[in-house]
């Protein structure tokens, strides 16, 4: 898969084949990709909690909110939930805020997951206080993002934004997940040269 194909295939998947486990080593390999990624001022303030344990995964799942544009959908049902999680933490004793690092490293790990035949969803809608308690995290670690991972069990289609201009993702009658993307000409303000 070339880079363009990898990026197009790396979508937010919200339903997984929960019967297919992920090895802890696979999550470690994804964190290794994050480790090799760029870091602002090379401070490397991010730390990670990895889980492939079904009981802990259920506890993590309870603190996540899924698909804001689909308010009638409560998230993946049992059997469609992630098989693994990477919880991204910012060590606030190294840097108070690290959103640049979080974005870079999350994308590196998601591309690595896609290359391995996995899919995932980056979740920022998290009950951080309860998840901190569940994971028994010291105060110095701020929960930045949760990556939910598994073998995808849904189809996600990219399409151009329609005439109504809506960028809201939606599911059609066949339960295919559609993601409208703004056209390239709308993104490029100037072409010089």
N, C-alpha and C. Protein backbone atom coordinates (compact mmCIF):
# COMPACT_ATOMS: atom_id res chain seq x y z
N UNK A 1 0.85 -1.17 0.00
CA UNK A 1 0.00 0.00 0.00
C UNK A 1 0.90 1.25 0.00
N UNK A 2 0.67 2.15 -0.97
CA UNK A 2 1.45 3.39 -0.94
C UNK A 2 0.84 4.35 0.08
N UNK A 3 1.51 5.48 0.32
CA UNK A 3 1.09 6.39 1.38
C UNK A 3 -0.32 6.93 1.14
N UNK A 4 -0.64 7.30 -0.10
CA UNK A 4 -1.98 7.82 -0.41
C UNK A 4 -3.05 6.79 -0.07
N UNK A 5 -2.84 5.55 -0.45
CA UNK A 5 -3.80 4.48 -0.16
C UNK A 5 -3.92 4.26 1.35
N UNK A 6 -2.79 4.29 2.03
CA UNK A 6 -2.78 4.10 3.48
C UNK A 6 -3.59 5.19 4.18
N UNK A 7 -3.40 6.44 3.77
CA UNK A 7 -4.13 7.56 4.37
C UNK A 7 -5.62 7.46 4.06
N UNK A 8 -5.98 7.11 2.83
CA UNK A 8 -7.40 6.99 2.48
C UNK A 8 -8.08 5.84 3.24
N UNK A 9 -7.33 4.79 3.51
CA UNK A 9 -7.90 3.64 4.22
C UNK A 9 -7.96 3.88 5.73
N UNK A 10 -7.15 4.79 6.22
CA UNK A 10 -7.09 5.10 7.65
C UNK A 10 -8.26 6.02 8.03
N UNK A 11 -9.39 5.44 8.26
CA UNK A 11 -10.61 6.17 8.61
C UNK A 11 -10.92 5.97 10.08
N UNK A 12 -11.91 6.69 10.58
CA UNK A 12 -12.41 6.45 11.93
C UNK A 12 -13.42 5.31 11.86
N UNK A 13 -13.01 4.15 12.33
CA UNK A 13 -13.91 3.00 12.41
C UNK A 13 -14.49 2.97 13.82
N UNK A 14 -15.78 2.69 13.90
CA UNK A 14 -16.46 2.68 15.19
C UNK A 14 -17.11 1.34 15.52
N UNK A 15 -16.98 0.39 14.62
CA UNK A 15 -17.48 -0.97 14.87
C UNK A 15 -16.38 -1.95 14.46
N UNK A 16 -16.17 -2.94 15.32
CA UNK A 16 -15.05 -3.86 15.16
C UNK A 16 -15.53 -5.30 15.31
N UNK A 17 -14.71 -6.22 14.85
CA UNK A 17 -14.95 -7.64 15.10
C UNK A 17 -14.27 -7.96 16.42
N UNK A 18 -15.02 -7.86 17.49
CA UNK A 18 -14.48 -8.01 18.84
C UNK A 18 -13.95 -9.42 19.10
N UNK A 19 -14.36 -10.40 18.27
CA UNK A 19 -13.89 -11.78 18.46
C UNK A 19 -12.44 -11.95 18.02
N UNK A 20 -11.88 -10.95 17.35
CA UNK A 20 -10.49 -11.02 16.89
C UNK A 20 -9.61 -10.19 17.82
N UNK A 21 -8.86 -10.85 18.69
CA UNK A 21 -8.03 -10.12 19.65
C UNK A 21 -6.84 -9.44 18.99
N UNK A 22 -6.29 -8.50 19.70
CA UNK A 22 -5.04 -7.83 19.31
C UNK A 22 -3.98 -8.23 20.32
N UNK A 23 -2.80 -8.53 19.84
CA UNK A 23 -1.70 -8.87 20.74
C UNK A 23 -1.13 -7.60 21.37
N UNK A 24 -0.76 -7.69 22.63
CA UNK A 24 -0.13 -6.56 23.32
C UNK A 24 1.10 -6.10 22.54
N UNK A 25 1.83 -7.03 21.97
CA UNK A 25 3.02 -6.69 21.18
C UNK A 25 2.67 -5.78 20.00
N UNK A 26 1.50 -5.96 19.40
CA UNK A 26 1.06 -5.11 18.30
C UNK A 26 0.91 -3.67 18.78
N UNK A 27 0.31 -3.48 19.95
CA UNK A 27 0.18 -2.13 20.49
C UNK A 27 1.54 -1.54 20.81
N UNK A 28 2.45 -2.37 21.32
CA UNK A 28 3.80 -1.90 21.60
C UNK A 28 4.49 -1.44 20.31
N UNK A 29 4.27 -2.16 19.21
CA UNK A 29 4.85 -1.78 17.92
C UNK A 29 4.29 -0.45 17.44
N UNK A 30 3.03 -0.20 17.72
CA UNK A 30 2.44 1.09 17.34
C UNK A 30 3.03 2.23 18.18
N UNK A 31 3.24 1.99 19.45
CA UNK A 31 3.87 3.01 20.30
C UNK A 31 5.31 3.24 19.85
N UNK A 32 5.96 2.22 19.35
CA UNK A 32 7.31 2.39 18.81
C UNK A 32 7.29 3.38 17.64
N UNK A 33 6.25 3.31 16.80
CA UNK A 33 6.12 4.29 15.72
C UNK A 33 5.97 5.70 16.28
N UNK A 34 5.19 5.84 17.35
CA UNK A 34 5.05 7.15 18.00
C UNK A 34 6.40 7.62 18.52
N UNK A 35 7.16 6.71 19.10
CA UNK A 35 8.47 7.06 19.66
C UNK A 35 9.40 7.62 18.60
N UNK A 36 9.31 7.11 17.38
CA UNK A 36 10.16 7.58 16.28
C UNK A 36 9.64 8.85 15.63
N UNK A 37 8.44 9.27 15.97
CA UNK A 37 7.81 10.44 15.34
C UNK A 37 8.37 11.73 15.91
N UNK A 38 8.09 12.81 15.20
CA UNK A 38 8.54 14.13 15.63
C UNK A 38 7.90 14.51 16.96
N UNK A 39 8.62 15.32 17.73
CA UNK A 39 8.12 15.82 19.01
C UNK A 39 8.58 17.27 19.14
N UNK A 40 7.64 18.16 19.49
CA UNK A 40 7.98 19.58 19.63
C UNK A 40 9.11 19.75 20.64
N UNK A 41 10.16 20.46 20.22
CA UNK A 41 11.37 20.67 21.02
C UNK A 41 12.02 19.36 21.45
N UNK A 42 11.60 18.27 20.84
CA UNK A 42 12.08 16.91 21.16
C UNK A 42 11.93 16.58 22.64
N UNK A 43 10.90 17.16 23.28
CA UNK A 43 10.70 16.92 24.71
C UNK A 43 10.11 15.54 25.00
N UNK A 44 9.37 14.98 24.05
CA UNK A 44 8.81 13.64 24.20
C UNK A 44 8.01 13.49 25.50
N UNK A 45 6.97 14.33 25.68
CA UNK A 45 6.22 14.31 26.93
C UNK A 45 5.12 13.26 27.01
N UNK A 46 4.90 12.51 25.94
CA UNK A 46 3.78 11.57 25.94
C UNK A 46 4.16 10.22 26.54
N UNK A 47 3.21 9.68 27.28
CA UNK A 47 3.31 8.34 27.85
C UNK A 47 2.06 7.59 27.41
N UNK A 48 2.06 6.28 27.55
CA UNK A 48 0.97 5.48 26.99
C UNK A 48 0.55 4.37 27.95
N UNK A 49 -0.73 4.11 27.99
CA UNK A 49 -1.28 2.95 28.69
C UNK A 49 -1.88 2.06 27.60
N UNK A 50 -1.52 0.78 27.61
CA UNK A 50 -1.99 -0.17 26.60
C UNK A 50 -2.90 -1.20 27.26
N UNK A 51 -3.97 -1.53 26.58
CA UNK A 51 -4.86 -2.58 27.12
C UNK A 51 -5.39 -3.46 26.00
N UNK A 52 -5.25 -4.76 26.19
CA UNK A 52 -5.90 -5.76 25.35
C UNK A 52 -6.71 -6.73 26.22
N UNK A 53 -6.79 -6.43 27.50
CA UNK A 53 -7.51 -7.26 28.46
C UNK A 53 -9.01 -6.98 28.35
N UNK A 54 -9.84 -8.00 28.05
CA UNK A 54 -11.29 -7.77 27.88
C UNK A 54 -11.96 -7.08 29.06
N UNK A 55 -11.61 -7.44 30.27
CA UNK A 55 -12.24 -6.82 31.45
C UNK A 55 -11.86 -5.34 31.55
N UNK A 56 -10.59 -5.02 31.37
CA UNK A 56 -10.16 -3.62 31.41
C UNK A 56 -10.72 -2.85 30.21
N UNK A 57 -10.77 -3.50 29.06
CA UNK A 57 -11.34 -2.84 27.87
C UNK A 57 -12.78 -2.42 28.13
N UNK A 58 -13.55 -3.26 28.82
CA UNK A 58 -14.95 -2.94 29.12
C UNK A 58 -15.02 -1.71 30.03
N UNK A 59 -14.11 -1.60 30.96
CA UNK A 59 -14.08 -0.44 31.87
C UNK A 59 -13.69 0.83 31.12
N UNK A 60 -12.72 0.71 30.20
CA UNK A 60 -12.31 1.86 29.39
C UNK A 60 -13.48 2.29 28.49
N UNK A 61 -14.11 1.32 27.85
CA UNK A 61 -15.23 1.59 26.94
C UNK A 61 -16.32 2.42 27.62
N UNK A 62 -16.59 2.13 28.87
CA UNK A 62 -17.65 2.83 29.60
C UNK A 62 -17.38 4.32 29.74
N UNK A 63 -16.13 4.75 29.60
CA UNK A 63 -15.77 6.17 29.75
C UNK A 63 -15.63 6.90 28.42
N UNK A 64 -16.04 6.27 27.33
CA UNK A 64 -15.89 6.87 26.00
C UNK A 64 -17.24 7.28 25.44
N UNK A 65 -17.23 8.34 24.63
CA UNK A 65 -18.44 8.79 23.93
C UNK A 65 -18.16 8.69 22.44
N UNK A 66 -19.10 8.08 21.71
CA UNK A 66 -18.89 7.73 20.30
C UNK A 66 -19.77 8.56 19.37
N UNK A 67 -19.22 9.01 18.25
CA UNK A 67 -19.95 9.54 17.08
C UNK A 67 -20.92 10.67 17.42
N UNK A 68 -20.39 11.84 17.66
CA UNK A 68 -21.20 13.00 18.00
C UNK A 68 -22.24 13.36 16.96
N UNK A 69 -21.98 13.08 15.68
CA UNK A 69 -22.95 13.39 14.63
C UNK A 69 -24.05 12.33 14.52
N UNK A 70 -23.93 11.26 15.30
CA UNK A 70 -24.95 10.21 15.30
C UNK A 70 -25.54 10.09 16.71
N UNK A 71 -26.27 11.11 17.16
CA UNK A 71 -26.71 11.14 18.56
C UNK A 71 -27.63 9.99 18.95
N UNK A 72 -28.33 9.40 17.99
CA UNK A 72 -29.22 8.29 18.31
C UNK A 72 -28.47 6.97 18.48
N UNK A 73 -27.20 6.96 18.13
CA UNK A 73 -26.40 5.74 18.21
C UNK A 73 -25.57 5.78 19.48
N UNK A 74 -25.69 4.79 20.32
CA UNK A 74 -25.00 4.77 21.61
C UNK A 74 -23.58 4.23 21.57
N UNK A 75 -23.06 3.99 20.40
CA UNK A 75 -21.72 3.43 20.28
C UNK A 75 -21.80 1.96 19.93
N UNK A 76 -20.66 1.34 19.72
CA UNK A 76 -20.66 -0.06 19.31
C UNK A 76 -21.23 -0.97 20.39
N UNK A 77 -22.04 -1.92 19.94
CA UNK A 77 -22.65 -2.87 20.88
C UNK A 77 -21.66 -3.99 21.19
N UNK A 78 -21.96 -4.76 22.20
CA UNK A 78 -21.11 -5.91 22.56
C UNK A 78 -20.93 -6.77 21.32
N UNK A 79 -19.69 -7.18 21.06
CA UNK A 79 -19.34 -7.93 19.86
C UNK A 79 -18.76 -7.05 18.78
N UNK A 80 -19.00 -5.72 18.89
CA UNK A 80 -18.49 -4.75 17.91
C UNK A 80 -17.54 -3.73 18.56
N UNK A 81 -17.14 -4.02 19.78
CA UNK A 81 -16.30 -3.07 20.51
C UNK A 81 -14.81 -3.31 20.22
N UNK A 82 -13.98 -2.32 20.51
CA UNK A 82 -12.55 -2.45 20.25
C UNK A 82 -11.92 -3.61 21.03
N UNK A 83 -10.90 -4.20 20.42
CA UNK A 83 -10.14 -5.28 21.06
C UNK A 83 -8.92 -4.76 21.80
N UNK A 84 -8.60 -3.48 21.58
CA UNK A 84 -7.44 -2.90 22.25
C UNK A 84 -7.54 -1.39 22.32
N UNK A 85 -6.82 -0.85 23.28
CA UNK A 85 -6.80 0.60 23.47
C UNK A 85 -5.37 1.07 23.72
N UNK A 86 -5.08 2.25 23.18
CA UNK A 86 -3.87 2.99 23.55
C UNK A 86 -4.36 4.31 24.12
N UNK A 87 -4.09 4.52 25.40
CA UNK A 87 -4.46 5.78 26.04
C UNK A 87 -3.22 6.66 26.03
N UNK A 88 -3.35 7.82 25.38
CA UNK A 88 -2.24 8.76 25.25
C UNK A 88 -2.29 9.75 26.40
N UNK A 89 -1.19 9.86 27.11
CA UNK A 89 -1.09 10.73 28.29
C UNK A 89 -0.02 11.79 28.06
N UNK A 90 -0.27 12.98 28.55
CA UNK A 90 0.76 14.01 28.57
C UNK A 90 1.33 14.09 29.98
N UNK A 91 2.65 13.93 30.07
CA UNK A 91 3.34 14.08 31.35
C UNK A 91 3.51 15.57 31.58
N UNK A 92 2.64 16.15 32.42
CA UNK A 92 2.63 17.60 32.60
C UNK A 92 3.86 18.12 33.35
N UNK A 93 4.67 17.23 33.89
CA UNK A 93 5.94 17.67 34.50
C UNK A 93 7.00 17.89 33.44
N UNK A 94 6.76 17.37 32.22
CA UNK A 94 7.67 17.62 31.11
C UNK A 94 7.16 18.80 30.28
N UNK A 95 5.86 18.79 29.98
CA UNK A 95 5.22 19.88 29.22
C UNK A 95 3.75 19.92 29.62
N UNK A 96 3.26 21.11 29.90
CA UNK A 96 1.86 21.26 30.35
C UNK A 96 0.86 20.86 29.27
N UNK A 97 1.13 21.22 28.02
CA UNK A 97 0.21 20.96 26.92
C UNK A 97 1.02 20.44 25.74
N UNK A 98 0.53 19.39 25.09
CA UNK A 98 1.32 18.76 24.03
C UNK A 98 0.45 18.34 22.85
N UNK A 99 -0.48 19.22 22.45
CA UNK A 99 -1.41 18.84 21.38
C UNK A 99 -0.70 18.56 20.06
N UNK A 100 0.39 19.24 19.78
CA UNK A 100 1.13 18.97 18.54
C UNK A 100 1.66 17.55 18.55
N UNK A 101 2.29 17.16 19.64
CA UNK A 101 2.81 15.79 19.76
C UNK A 101 1.68 14.77 19.69
N UNK A 102 0.57 15.06 20.37
CA UNK A 102 -0.56 14.13 20.38
C UNK A 102 -1.04 13.88 18.96
N UNK A 103 -1.22 14.94 18.18
CA UNK A 103 -1.70 14.78 16.81
C UNK A 103 -0.73 14.00 15.94
N UNK A 104 0.54 14.36 16.01
CA UNK A 104 1.54 13.68 15.19
C UNK A 104 1.63 12.20 15.55
N UNK A 105 1.72 11.91 16.83
CA UNK A 105 1.93 10.53 17.26
C UNK A 105 0.67 9.68 17.10
N UNK A 106 -0.49 10.28 17.30
CA UNK A 106 -1.74 9.54 17.09
C UNK A 106 -1.85 9.13 15.62
N UNK A 107 -1.56 10.05 14.72
CA UNK A 107 -1.65 9.72 13.29
C UNK A 107 -0.61 8.66 12.92
N UNK A 108 0.58 8.75 13.46
CA UNK A 108 1.60 7.73 13.18
C UNK A 108 1.11 6.34 13.60
N UNK A 109 0.51 6.27 14.80
CA UNK A 109 0.03 4.97 15.29
C UNK A 109 -1.17 4.48 14.49
N UNK A 110 -2.06 5.38 14.10
CA UNK A 110 -3.21 4.96 13.32
C UNK A 110 -2.81 4.48 11.93
N UNK A 111 -1.84 5.13 11.31
CA UNK A 111 -1.35 4.66 10.02
C UNK A 111 -0.69 3.29 10.17
N UNK A 112 0.06 3.11 11.25
CA UNK A 112 0.67 1.80 11.52
C UNK A 112 -0.38 0.73 11.73
N UNK A 113 -1.46 1.07 12.43
CA UNK A 113 -2.55 0.12 12.66
C UNK A 113 -3.20 -0.26 11.33
N UNK A 114 -3.42 0.73 10.48
CA UNK A 114 -4.02 0.48 9.16
C UNK A 114 -3.15 -0.45 8.35
N UNK A 115 -1.85 -0.22 8.37
CA UNK A 115 -0.91 -1.08 7.65
C UNK A 115 -1.00 -2.53 8.13
N UNK A 116 -1.32 -2.72 9.41
CA UNK A 116 -1.42 -4.06 9.99
C UNK A 116 -2.81 -4.68 9.80
N UNK A 117 -3.70 -4.00 9.07
CA UNK A 117 -5.03 -4.53 8.84
C UNK A 117 -6.02 -4.20 9.94
N UNK A 118 -5.64 -3.29 10.83
CA UNK A 118 -6.53 -2.87 11.91
C UNK A 118 -7.18 -1.54 11.54
N UNK A 119 -8.18 -1.18 12.30
CA UNK A 119 -8.80 0.12 12.17
C UNK A 119 -8.94 0.71 13.55
N UNK A 120 -9.29 1.96 13.60
CA UNK A 120 -9.41 2.56 14.92
C UNK A 120 -10.16 3.86 14.88
N UNK A 121 -10.34 4.40 16.05
CA UNK A 121 -11.00 5.69 16.21
C UNK A 121 -10.25 6.47 17.29
N UNK A 122 -9.93 7.73 16.98
CA UNK A 122 -9.30 8.61 17.97
C UNK A 122 -10.43 9.28 18.74
N UNK A 123 -10.45 9.08 20.04
CA UNK A 123 -11.54 9.59 20.86
C UNK A 123 -11.04 10.65 21.84
N UNK A 124 -11.62 11.84 21.71
CA UNK A 124 -11.33 12.90 22.66
C UNK A 124 -12.48 13.11 23.62
N UNK A 125 -13.65 12.55 23.30
CA UNK A 125 -14.82 12.65 24.17
C UNK A 125 -14.73 11.53 25.20
N UNK A 126 -14.08 11.85 26.31
CA UNK A 126 -13.71 10.86 27.31
C UNK A 126 -14.07 11.40 28.70
N UNK A 127 -14.59 10.56 29.56
CA UNK A 127 -14.77 10.93 30.97
C UNK A 127 -13.40 10.77 31.62
N UNK A 128 -12.61 11.83 31.54
CA UNK A 128 -11.21 11.76 31.96
C UNK A 128 -11.04 11.47 33.45
N UNK A 129 -11.89 12.05 34.26
CA UNK A 129 -11.74 11.81 35.71
C UNK A 129 -12.01 10.36 36.06
N UNK A 130 -13.06 9.78 35.50
CA UNK A 130 -13.34 8.38 35.81
C UNK A 130 -12.27 7.47 35.22
N UNK A 131 -11.83 7.76 34.00
CA UNK A 131 -10.80 6.92 33.38
C UNK A 131 -9.49 7.01 34.17
N UNK A 132 -9.18 8.18 34.67
CA UNK A 132 -7.98 8.34 35.53
C UNK A 132 -8.09 7.42 36.74
N UNK A 133 -9.28 7.39 37.34
CA UNK A 133 -9.51 6.53 38.51
C UNK A 133 -9.38 5.04 38.12
N UNK A 134 -10.00 4.66 37.00
CA UNK A 134 -9.95 3.26 36.54
C UNK A 134 -8.51 2.81 36.29
N UNK A 135 -7.72 3.69 35.68
CA UNK A 135 -6.33 3.35 35.34
C UNK A 135 -5.35 3.63 36.48
N UNK A 136 -5.84 4.22 37.56
CA UNK A 136 -5.02 4.55 38.73
C UNK A 136 -3.81 5.40 38.33
N UNK A 137 -4.10 6.50 37.63
CA UNK A 137 -3.04 7.37 37.12
C UNK A 137 -2.72 8.49 38.10
N UNK A 138 -1.44 8.75 38.32
CA UNK A 138 -1.06 9.91 39.12
C UNK A 138 -1.50 11.21 38.42
N UNK A 139 -1.70 12.26 39.19
CA UNK A 139 -2.20 13.55 38.68
C UNK A 139 -1.31 14.15 37.59
N UNK A 140 -0.05 13.85 37.59
CA UNK A 140 0.85 14.48 36.62
C UNK A 140 0.54 14.07 35.18
N UNK A 141 -0.21 12.99 34.98
CA UNK A 141 -0.52 12.49 33.64
C UNK A 141 -1.92 12.94 33.22
N UNK A 142 -1.98 13.79 32.20
CA UNK A 142 -3.26 14.25 31.65
C UNK A 142 -3.66 13.33 30.51
N UNK A 143 -4.88 12.85 30.54
CA UNK A 143 -5.37 11.99 29.45
C UNK A 143 -5.64 12.89 28.25
N UNK A 144 -4.89 12.67 27.17
CA UNK A 144 -4.99 13.52 25.99
C UNK A 144 -5.93 12.95 24.94
N UNK A 145 -5.84 11.65 24.69
CA UNK A 145 -6.60 11.02 23.62
C UNK A 145 -6.64 9.52 23.87
N UNK A 146 -7.70 8.88 23.41
CA UNK A 146 -7.79 7.42 23.49
C UNK A 146 -7.91 6.88 22.08
N UNK A 147 -7.04 5.95 21.73
CA UNK A 147 -7.14 5.26 20.44
C UNK A 147 -7.81 3.92 20.68
N UNK A 148 -8.97 3.73 20.06
CA UNK A 148 -9.70 2.47 20.13
C UNK A 148 -9.37 1.69 18.87
N UNK A 149 -8.94 0.43 19.04
CA UNK A 149 -8.42 -0.33 17.90
C UNK A 149 -9.05 -1.71 17.80
N UNK A 150 -9.13 -2.20 16.57
CA UNK A 150 -9.63 -3.54 16.34
C UNK A 150 -9.69 -3.82 14.85
N UNK A 151 -10.19 -4.99 14.52
CA UNK A 151 -10.40 -5.35 13.12
C UNK A 151 -11.72 -4.71 12.70
N UNK A 152 -11.71 -3.83 11.69
CA UNK A 152 -12.94 -3.13 11.31
C UNK A 152 -14.06 -4.09 10.92
N UNK A 153 -15.28 -3.73 11.33
CA UNK A 153 -16.47 -4.52 10.99
C UNK A 153 -17.51 -3.59 10.37
N UNK A 154 -17.04 -2.61 9.63
CA UNK A 154 -17.95 -1.70 8.93
C UNK A 154 -17.23 -1.14 7.71
N UNK A 155 -18.02 -0.63 6.79
CA UNK A 155 -17.49 0.01 5.59
C UNK A 155 -17.58 1.52 5.78
N UNK A 156 -16.46 2.19 5.49
CA UNK A 156 -16.40 3.65 5.57
C UNK A 156 -16.04 4.15 4.17
N UNK A 157 -16.83 5.11 3.67
CA UNK A 157 -16.66 5.64 2.32
C UNK A 157 -16.39 7.14 2.40
N UNK A 158 -15.34 7.57 1.70
CA UNK A 158 -15.07 9.00 1.56
C UNK A 158 -15.83 9.52 0.35
N UNK A 159 -16.37 10.73 0.47
CA UNK A 159 -17.08 11.33 -0.65
C UNK A 159 -16.91 12.84 -0.57
N UNK A 160 -17.13 13.51 -1.69
CA UNK A 160 -17.07 14.96 -1.69
C UNK A 160 -18.27 15.53 -0.94
N UNK A 161 -18.08 16.67 -0.32
CA UNK A 161 -19.17 17.37 0.35
C UNK A 161 -20.26 17.63 -0.69
N UNK A 162 -21.50 17.39 -0.32
CA UNK A 162 -22.63 17.57 -1.23
C UNK A 162 -23.02 19.02 -1.40
N UNK A 163 -24.05 19.26 -2.21
CA UNK A 163 -24.51 20.63 -2.47
C UNK A 163 -24.97 21.39 -1.23
N UNK A 164 -25.39 20.65 -0.18
CA UNK A 164 -25.84 21.33 1.04
C UNK A 164 -24.68 21.82 1.90
N UNK A 165 -23.44 21.41 1.54
CA UNK A 165 -22.25 21.87 2.26
C UNK A 165 -21.99 21.16 3.58
N UNK A 166 -22.78 20.16 3.93
CA UNK A 166 -22.62 19.49 5.22
C UNK A 166 -21.37 18.60 5.25
N UNK A 167 -20.64 18.74 6.33
CA UNK A 167 -19.46 17.89 6.54
C UNK A 167 -19.76 16.78 7.55
N UNK A 168 -21.03 16.67 7.99
CA UNK A 168 -21.40 15.68 9.00
C UNK A 168 -21.40 14.28 8.39
N UNK A 169 -20.67 13.37 9.05
CA UNK A 169 -20.71 11.98 8.61
C UNK A 169 -22.07 11.40 8.92
N UNK A 170 -22.43 10.34 8.19
CA UNK A 170 -23.75 9.74 8.36
C UNK A 170 -23.69 8.27 7.91
N UNK A 171 -24.73 7.55 8.26
CA UNK A 171 -24.89 6.15 7.84
C UNK A 171 -26.11 6.06 6.93
N UNK A 172 -25.95 5.31 5.84
CA UNK A 172 -27.07 5.15 4.91
C UNK A 172 -27.93 3.95 5.33
N UNK A 173 -28.93 3.63 4.51
CA UNK A 173 -29.88 2.55 4.82
C UNK A 173 -29.19 1.19 4.91
N UNK A 174 -28.04 1.03 4.24
CA UNK A 174 -27.28 -0.22 4.31
C UNK A 174 -26.25 -0.21 5.43
N UNK A 175 -26.28 0.82 6.27
CA UNK A 175 -25.38 0.98 7.41
C UNK A 175 -23.93 1.25 7.00
N UNK A 176 -23.76 1.78 5.78
CA UNK A 176 -22.43 2.21 5.32
C UNK A 176 -22.18 3.59 5.89
N UNK A 177 -20.99 3.80 6.43
CA UNK A 177 -20.61 5.06 7.06
C UNK A 177 -20.00 5.97 5.99
N UNK A 178 -20.59 7.14 5.76
CA UNK A 178 -20.13 8.08 4.74
C UNK A 178 -19.46 9.28 5.43
N UNK A 179 -18.31 9.68 4.87
CA UNK A 179 -17.55 10.80 5.43
C UNK A 179 -17.33 11.85 4.33
N UNK A 180 -18.08 12.96 4.37
CA UNK A 180 -17.89 14.01 3.37
C UNK A 180 -16.58 14.78 3.60
N UNK A 181 -15.86 15.01 2.51
CA UNK A 181 -14.60 15.76 2.56
C UNK A 181 -14.70 16.99 1.66
N UNK A 182 -14.19 18.11 2.15
CA UNK A 182 -14.20 19.33 1.35
C UNK A 182 -13.31 19.13 0.12
N UNK A 183 -13.68 19.73 -1.01
CA UNK A 183 -12.87 19.56 -2.23
C UNK A 183 -11.52 20.28 -2.12
N UNK A 184 -10.55 19.79 -2.86
CA UNK A 184 -9.20 20.33 -2.83
C UNK A 184 -9.18 21.83 -3.15
N UNK A 185 -9.97 22.26 -4.13
CA UNK A 185 -9.98 23.68 -4.49
C UNK A 185 -10.47 24.58 -3.36
N UNK A 186 -11.28 24.04 -2.46
CA UNK A 186 -11.73 24.82 -1.32
C UNK A 186 -10.61 24.95 -0.26
N UNK A 187 -9.71 23.97 -0.22
CA UNK A 187 -8.65 23.97 0.75
C UNK A 187 -7.47 24.85 0.37
N UNK A 188 -7.17 24.90 -0.93
CA UNK A 188 -6.03 25.67 -1.39
C UNK A 188 -6.48 27.10 -1.67
N UNK A 189 -6.03 28.05 -0.87
CA UNK A 189 -6.41 29.45 -1.03
C UNK A 189 -5.67 30.13 -2.17
N UNK A 190 -4.38 29.79 -2.33
CA UNK A 190 -3.58 30.40 -3.40
C UNK A 190 -2.64 29.36 -3.97
N UNK A 191 -2.39 29.50 -5.25
CA UNK A 191 -1.38 28.69 -5.93
C UNK A 191 -0.36 29.70 -6.47
N UNK A 192 0.85 29.62 -6.00
CA UNK A 192 1.88 30.57 -6.39
C UNK A 192 2.98 29.83 -7.13
N UNK A 193 3.27 30.28 -8.35
CA UNK A 193 4.35 29.66 -9.11
C UNK A 193 3.89 28.88 -10.29
